[in-house]
C-alpha cells in the first residue's frame, strides 16, 4: 500500500512542478521587455494593436479639423505621402515618424481619378489590425 501512495503522490506532483516551472518562465519572459526599453516612446509613434472599422459614413472631402490635429487616431492617419505603390502607402507624419499603410481591394481615393504622389497631404481612414493600418478610404487635400 505504501508504494501505491508514493506512485500517486509522484503523479500528482509532476503537473504541479511543471505548472510552477511554466509560471516562473512566463514571469521572467514577461519582465524582459520592460528592461529593454530605456525611455517611453513618443505617444504618436506607438501603433494600436486593433480597432474596429468605422461605422459612420466615410468622408469624401478634406476636413479642416484635420489641419489642427483634431482627429481620431484609431481610425485616421494624417500626413504627407512619402511613397506609393500598388496596395502600399507610406505616410510621413512629422518628426521622422512614418506609417506604412496597406490598401485593400476596394480602397477608395477621393477626389476620384487622382493618383497619390509624394508630397501630397492625405487623410487615410481605416483601422488597425495587428499593428498594421488598413485603409478603407484616402482623402487628398486640395489646394
Protein backbone atom coordinates (compact mmCIF):
# COMPACT_ATOMS: atom_id res chain seq x y z
CA UNK A 1 0.00 0.00 0.00
CA UNK A 2 2.91 2.27 0.69
CA UNK A 3 4.18 2.01 -2.92
CA UNK A 4 0.77 2.93 -4.31
CA UNK A 5 0.73 6.04 -2.16
CA UNK A 6 4.16 7.10 -3.42
CA UNK A 7 3.10 6.45 -7.01
CA UNK A 8 0.02 8.66 -6.68
CA UNK A 9 1.90 11.47 -4.95
CA UNK A 10 4.55 11.41 -7.70
CA UNK A 11 1.94 11.54 -10.45
CA UNK A 12 0.14 14.43 -8.77
CA UNK A 13 3.39 16.28 -8.02
CA UNK A 14 4.64 16.27 -11.63
CA UNK A 15 1.92 18.57 -13.07
CA UNK A 16 2.30 20.92 -10.13
CA UNK A 17 6.07 21.15 -10.64
CA UNK A 18 5.55 21.68 -14.38
CA UNK A 19 2.98 24.42 -13.76
CA UNK A 20 5.37 26.16 -11.38
CA UNK A 21 8.21 25.97 -13.92
CA UNK A 22 6.00 27.37 -16.70
CA UNK A 23 4.73 30.11 -14.41
CA UNK A 24 8.27 31.14 -13.49
CA UNK A 25 9.42 31.20 -17.12
CA UNK A 26 6.38 33.30 -18.07
CA UNK A 27 7.21 35.69 -15.28
CA UNK A 28 10.82 36.00 -16.44
CA UNK A 29 9.93 36.45 -20.12
CA UNK A 30 7.18 38.96 -19.43
CA UNK A 31 9.57 41.10 -17.43
CA UNK A 32 12.33 41.07 -20.07
CA UNK A 33 10.85 43.69 -22.48
CA UNK A 34 10.48 46.20 -19.65
CA UNK A 35 14.24 46.22 -19.13
CA UNK A 36 14.98 46.61 -22.84
CA UNK A 37 13.06 49.89 -23.13
CA UNK A 38 15.03 52.70 -21.54
CA UNK A 39 12.55 55.50 -22.19
CA UNK A 40 8.91 55.57 -23.28
CA UNK A 41 8.18 56.02 -26.96
CA UNK A 42 6.58 59.30 -28.06
CA UNK A 43 2.78 58.91 -27.93
CA UNK A 44 2.18 59.21 -31.68
CA UNK A 45 4.75 56.56 -32.68
CA UNK A 46 3.17 53.56 -30.99
CA UNK A 47 0.58 51.84 -33.17
CA UNK A 48 -2.55 50.49 -31.53
CA UNK A 49 -2.92 46.74 -31.96
CA UNK A 50 -6.53 46.52 -33.11
CA UNK A 51 -9.51 48.76 -33.77
CA UNK A 52 -12.88 48.19 -35.33
CA UNK A 53 -13.74 49.69 -38.76
CA UNK A 54 -15.69 52.96 -38.64
CA UNK A 55 -19.45 52.62 -38.59
CA UNK A 56 -20.09 56.27 -39.52
CA UNK A 57 -20.09 57.40 -43.18
CA UNK A 58 -16.57 57.75 -44.59
CA UNK A 59 -15.52 61.30 -45.58
CA UNK A 60 -15.36 62.36 -49.21
CA UNK A 61 -13.64 65.75 -48.75
CA UNK A 62 -10.87 67.17 -46.61
CA UNK A 63 -11.95 68.23 -43.11
CA UNK A 64 -10.31 71.44 -41.85
CA UNK A 65 -10.14 69.98 -38.30
CA UNK A 66 -7.50 67.55 -39.59
CA UNK A 67 -5.12 70.50 -40.12
CA UNK A 68 -5.31 71.43 -36.43
CA UNK A 69 -4.69 67.88 -35.17
CA UNK A 70 -8.37 67.19 -34.48
CA UNK A 71 -8.98 63.58 -35.45
CA UNK A 72 -9.47 60.07 -34.10
CA UNK A 73 -6.05 58.34 -34.15
CA UNK A 74 -7.60 54.87 -34.07
CA UNK A 75 -9.28 55.43 -37.44
CA UNK A 76 -7.29 58.20 -39.16
CA UNK A 77 -3.68 58.65 -40.20
CA UNK A 78 -2.96 62.21 -41.36
CA UNK A 79 0.27 63.15 -43.07
CA UNK A 80 2.18 63.55 -46.32
CA UNK A 81 2.69 60.84 -48.94
CA UNK A 82 6.30 59.63 -48.73
CA UNK A 83 5.87 56.85 -51.32
CA UNK A 84 3.09 54.96 -53.04
CA UNK A 85 2.96 51.63 -54.84
CA UNK A 86 0.01 49.36 -55.56
CA UNK A 87 -1.54 48.29 -52.25
CA UNK A 88 1.16 50.03 -50.14
CA UNK A 89 1.35 53.64 -48.97
CA UNK A 90 4.00 55.23 -46.76
CA UNK A 91 2.78 58.35 -44.91
CA UNK A 92 5.19 60.76 -43.19
CA UNK A 93 3.55 62.13 -40.05
CA UNK A 94 6.25 64.58 -38.95
CA UNK A 95 9.33 64.40 -36.73
CA UNK A 96 10.70 61.45 -38.72
CA UNK A 97 7.67 59.24 -38.00
CA UNK A 98 6.32 57.24 -40.93
CA UNK A 99 3.45 54.80 -41.08
CA UNK A 100 3.20 52.03 -43.64
CA UNK A 101 -0.41 51.55 -44.73
CA UNK A 102 -1.90 48.59 -46.57
CA UNK A 103 -4.53 49.33 -49.19
CA UNK A 104 -7.09 46.62 -49.85
CA UNK A 105 -9.15 45.86 -52.90
CA UNK A 106 -11.93 48.43 -52.72
CA UNK A 107 -9.95 51.22 -51.01
CA UNK A 108 -11.41 54.46 -52.37
CA UNK A 109 -9.30 57.54 -53.18
CA UNK A 110 -11.11 60.89 -53.07
CA UNK A 111 -11.39 63.02 -55.17
CA UNK A 112 -11.87 60.25 -57.72
CA UNK A 113 -9.44 59.95 -60.58
CA UNK A 114 -6.40 61.25 -58.68
CA UNK A 115 -3.23 59.26 -58.14
CA UNK A 116 -1.21 59.58 -54.95
CA UNK A 117 2.14 61.34 -55.40
CA UNK A 118 4.93 62.05 -52.91
CA UNK A 119 4.45 65.35 -51.09
CA UNK A 120 0.64 65.36 -51.18
CA UNK A 121 -1.24 65.84 -47.91
CA UNK A 122 -3.57 62.91 -47.17
CA UNK A 123 -6.01 61.64 -44.58
CA UNK A 124 -6.23 57.86 -44.54
CA UNK A 125 -9.38 56.43 -42.97
CA UNK A 126 -9.30 52.82 -41.84
CA UNK A 127 -8.46 50.64 -38.87
CA UNK A 128 -5.54 48.97 -37.10
CA UNK A 129 -5.14 45.21 -37.41
CA UNK A 130 -2.21 43.51 -35.63
CA UNK A 131 -0.05 46.63 -35.81
CA UNK A 132 -0.82 47.39 -39.48
CA UNK A 133 -3.12 50.21 -40.61
CA UNK A 134 -5.62 49.03 -43.25
CA UNK A 135 -7.04 51.79 -45.48
CA UNK A 136 -10.73 51.99 -46.33
CA UNK A 137 -10.57 55.47 -47.85
CA UNK A 138 -7.90 58.05 -48.71
CA UNK A 139 -8.82 61.72 -48.92
CA UNK A 140 -6.38 64.13 -50.59
CA UNK A 141 -6.17 67.73 -49.51
CA UNK A 142 -6.97 70.02 -52.41
CA UNK A 143 -5.02 73.30 -52.62
